[in-house]
N, C-alpha and C. Protein backbone atom coordinates (compact mmCIF):
# COMPACT_ATOMS: atom_id res chain seq x y z
N MET A 1 101.18 120.75 121.76
CA MET A 1 100.05 120.07 120.35
C MET A 1 98.82 119.23 120.25
N THR A 2 98.18 119.79 119.20
CA THR A 2 96.96 118.97 119.79
C THR A 2 96.58 117.56 118.50
N TRP A 3 95.69 116.96 118.83
CA TRP A 3 95.33 116.00 117.45
C TRP A 3 95.92 116.11 116.36
N PRO A 4 95.23 116.78 116.06
CA PRO A 4 94.77 116.86 114.53
C PRO A 4 96.23 117.40 113.83
N GLU A 5 97.26 118.04 115.00
CA GLU A 5 99.05 118.74 114.70
C GLU A 5 99.29 117.72 114.41
N LEU A 6 99.53 116.43 115.92
CA LEU A 6 100.26 115.62 115.09
C LEU A 6 99.91 114.21 114.45
N TYR A 7 98.38 113.98 114.33
CA TYR A 7 98.53 113.17 113.36
C TYR A 7 98.96 113.88 111.50
N LYS A 8 98.77 115.57 111.38
CA LYS A 8 99.58 115.47 109.87
C LYS A 8 101.42 115.58 110.07
N ASP A 9 101.94 115.39 110.88
CA ASP A 9 103.04 116.31 111.77
C ASP A 9 103.68 114.94 111.30
N LYS A 10 104.27 115.40 110.03
CA LYS A 10 105.67 114.50 108.93
C LYS A 10 106.76 113.62 109.80
N GLY A 11 106.73 114.55 111.20
CA GLY A 11 108.42 114.83 111.66
C GLY A 11 107.89 113.03 112.21
N LEU A 12 107.00 113.07 112.94
CA LEU A 12 106.22 112.15 113.88
C LEU A 12 106.26 110.67 113.20
N HIS A 13 105.96 110.55 111.75
CA HIS A 13 105.91 109.35 111.75
C HIS A 13 104.15 108.57 111.81
N TRP A 14 103.24 109.40 112.36
CA TRP A 14 102.33 108.45 113.17
C TRP A 14 100.96 107.58 111.89
N GLU A 15 102.12 106.55 112.13
CA GLU A 15 100.93 105.19 111.47
C GLU A 15 100.59 103.99 112.77
N LYS A 16 98.84 104.44 112.29
CA LYS A 16 98.39 102.88 112.30
C LYS A 16 99.10 101.18 112.04
N ILE A 17 99.24 101.14 112.96
CA ILE A 17 99.29 99.38 112.62
C ILE A 17 98.79 98.11 112.49
N GLN A 18 98.24 98.47 111.38
CA GLN A 18 96.65 97.52 110.61
C GLN A 18 97.06 95.71 111.16
N SER A 19 98.80 95.26 111.29
CA SER A 19 98.96 93.92 111.20
C SER A 19 98.76 93.06 113.38
N ILE A 20 98.14 94.55 114.12
CA ILE A 20 97.89 94.64 115.76
C ILE A 20 96.83 95.09 115.94
N THR A 21 95.72 94.50 116.73
CA THR A 21 94.37 94.78 116.68
C THR A 21 94.93 95.28 118.64
N GLY A 22 94.07 96.32 119.12
CA GLY A 22 94.40 96.78 120.37
C GLY A 22 93.69 95.57 121.06
N SER A 23 93.55 95.92 122.62
CA SER A 23 92.95 94.69 123.29
C SER A 23 92.79 96.12 124.21
N GLN A 24 91.16 95.22 125.38
CA GLN A 24 90.50 95.36 126.52
C GLN A 24 89.66 96.94 126.06
N GLY A 25 89.23 96.95 124.15
CA GLY A 25 88.41 98.15 123.77
C GLY A 25 89.63 99.06 123.24
N HIS A 26 90.80 99.50 122.90
CA HIS A 26 91.49 100.23 121.78
C HIS A 26 91.35 99.44 121.05
N GLU A 27 90.66 99.67 119.95
CA GLU A 27 90.91 99.29 118.87
C GLU A 27 92.00 99.54 118.01
N SER A 28 92.87 101.04 117.89
CA SER A 28 93.69 100.29 117.28
C SER A 28 95.58 101.10 117.62
N LEU A 29 95.84 100.62 117.14
CA LEU A 29 97.24 100.73 118.27
C LEU A 29 98.66 101.57 116.80
N TYR A 30 99.53 102.58 117.52
CA TYR A 30 100.10 103.97 116.53
C TYR A 30 101.38 102.80 116.84
N SER A 31 102.43 103.21 116.15
CA SER A 31 103.57 103.59 115.84
C SER A 31 103.86 105.07 115.31
N PHE A 32 105.37 105.71 116.44
CA PHE A 32 105.66 106.89 116.51
C PHE A 32 106.90 107.15 116.66
N ARG A 33 107.45 108.53 115.87
CA ARG A 33 108.81 108.35 115.72
C ARG A 33 108.99 109.17 116.75
N LEU A 34 110.07 108.91 118.04
CA LEU A 34 110.83 109.30 119.15
C LEU A 34 111.78 110.19 118.85
N THR A 35 112.70 109.85 117.67
CA THR A 35 114.35 109.85 118.29
C THR A 35 114.31 110.08 116.04
N LYS A 36 115.57 110.03 115.94
CA LYS A 36 115.44 109.53 114.20
C LYS A 36 115.51 107.64 114.44
N SER A 37 116.39 107.15 115.93
CA SER A 37 116.25 105.50 115.84
C SER A 37 115.01 105.57 116.71
N ALA A 38 114.19 106.34 117.71
CA ALA A 38 113.22 104.80 118.66
C ALA A 38 112.08 105.48 118.12
N ARG A 39 111.51 104.42 118.37
CA ARG A 39 110.47 104.65 117.83
C ARG A 39 109.32 104.03 119.58
N GLY A 40 107.54 104.68 119.31
CA GLY A 40 106.89 103.92 119.86
C GLY A 40 105.43 103.10 119.39
N ILE A 41 104.90 102.63 120.70
CA ILE A 41 103.56 101.90 120.11
C ILE A 41 102.45 102.39 121.55
N GLY A 42 101.61 103.00 120.79
CA GLY A 42 100.94 102.97 122.10
C GLY A 42 99.46 103.73 120.97
N PHE A 43 98.51 103.97 121.69
CA PHE A 43 97.00 104.69 121.51
C PHE A 43 96.65 105.67 122.25
N ARG A 44 95.65 106.21 121.56
CA ARG A 44 94.77 107.51 121.96
C ARG A 44 93.90 106.54 122.85
N GLN A 45 93.60 107.44 124.35
CA GLN A 45 92.84 107.31 125.37
C GLN A 45 92.07 108.52 125.80
N GLY A 46 90.77 108.71 125.21
CA GLY A 46 90.88 110.16 125.21
C GLY A 46 91.86 111.11 124.89
N ASN A 47 91.96 112.02 125.86
CA ASN A 47 92.87 112.60 124.65
C ASN A 47 94.22 112.79 125.44
N HIS A 48 94.40 112.08 125.46
CA HIS A 48 96.13 110.94 125.65
C HIS A 48 96.30 109.77 125.22
N LEU A 49 97.60 109.98 125.82
CA LEU A 49 98.17 108.56 124.35
C LEU A 49 99.43 107.66 125.93
N CYS A 50 98.47 106.62 125.84
CA CYS A 50 99.04 106.02 126.29
C CYS A 50 100.48 104.43 126.12
N VAL A 51 101.45 105.24 126.65
CA VAL A 51 102.71 104.18 125.61
C VAL A 51 102.66 103.20 125.50
N LEU A 52 102.71 102.22 125.31
CA LEU A 52 102.90 100.46 125.31
C LEU A 52 104.36 100.50 125.32
N LEU A 53 105.42 100.80 123.88
CA LEU A 53 106.52 100.51 123.88
C LEU A 53 107.24 101.49 123.64
N VAL A 54 108.04 101.43 124.63
CA VAL A 54 109.37 103.09 123.98
C VAL A 54 110.68 101.66 123.32
N SER A 55 110.54 102.10 122.54
CA SER A 55 111.82 100.96 121.54
C SER A 55 113.05 102.18 121.25
N ALA A 56 114.85 102.14 121.69
CA ALA A 56 115.24 102.74 120.85
C ALA A 56 116.23 102.13 120.01
N ASP A 57 115.88 101.07 119.65
CA ASP A 57 116.29 100.61 118.11
C ASP A 57 114.69 100.19 117.05
N HIS A 58 114.73 101.41 115.98
CA HIS A 58 114.02 101.23 115.16
C HIS A 58 113.43 100.40 114.87
N ASP A 59 114.33 99.04 114.11
CA ASP A 59 113.03 98.09 113.28
C ASP A 59 113.11 96.96 114.99
N GLY A 60 113.67 96.86 115.70
CA GLY A 60 113.34 96.90 117.21
C GLY A 60 111.86 96.98 117.57
N ALA A 61 111.41 98.23 116.92
CA ALA A 61 109.36 98.37 117.41
C ALA A 61 109.15 97.05 116.57
N TYR A 62 109.35 96.26 115.87
CA TYR A 62 108.88 95.28 114.93
C TYR A 62 108.83 94.52 115.16
N GLY A 63 110.30 93.97 115.84
CA GLY A 63 110.18 92.68 115.77
C GLY A 63 111.20 92.24 114.81
N LYS A 64 111.84 92.92 114.07
CA LYS A 64 112.66 92.71 112.94
C LYS A 64 114.12 93.04 113.64
N LYS A 65 114.93 92.15 112.78
CA LYS A 65 116.73 92.10 112.91
C LYS A 65 117.47 93.05 112.30
C-alpha cells in the first residue's frame, strides 16, 4: 500500500491528532484503525510508519472510559 492509498483508505480511518503535537522533530501524530475495535497511534518518518501505541480498546487509544 502506498502512502497516498493509505491516506485515502476509508477503512483505516487515518486521522491527524490535532490535540497532540509530536516530539523530537515529528510534527504530526496520527490515529488509524487496525481492527474493528483496535487503534494505533504513530507518525510517518520518510517511507516508514513508526507505531507508538497499539490499543485493543478503541476508546483506550484516546484515554476515554
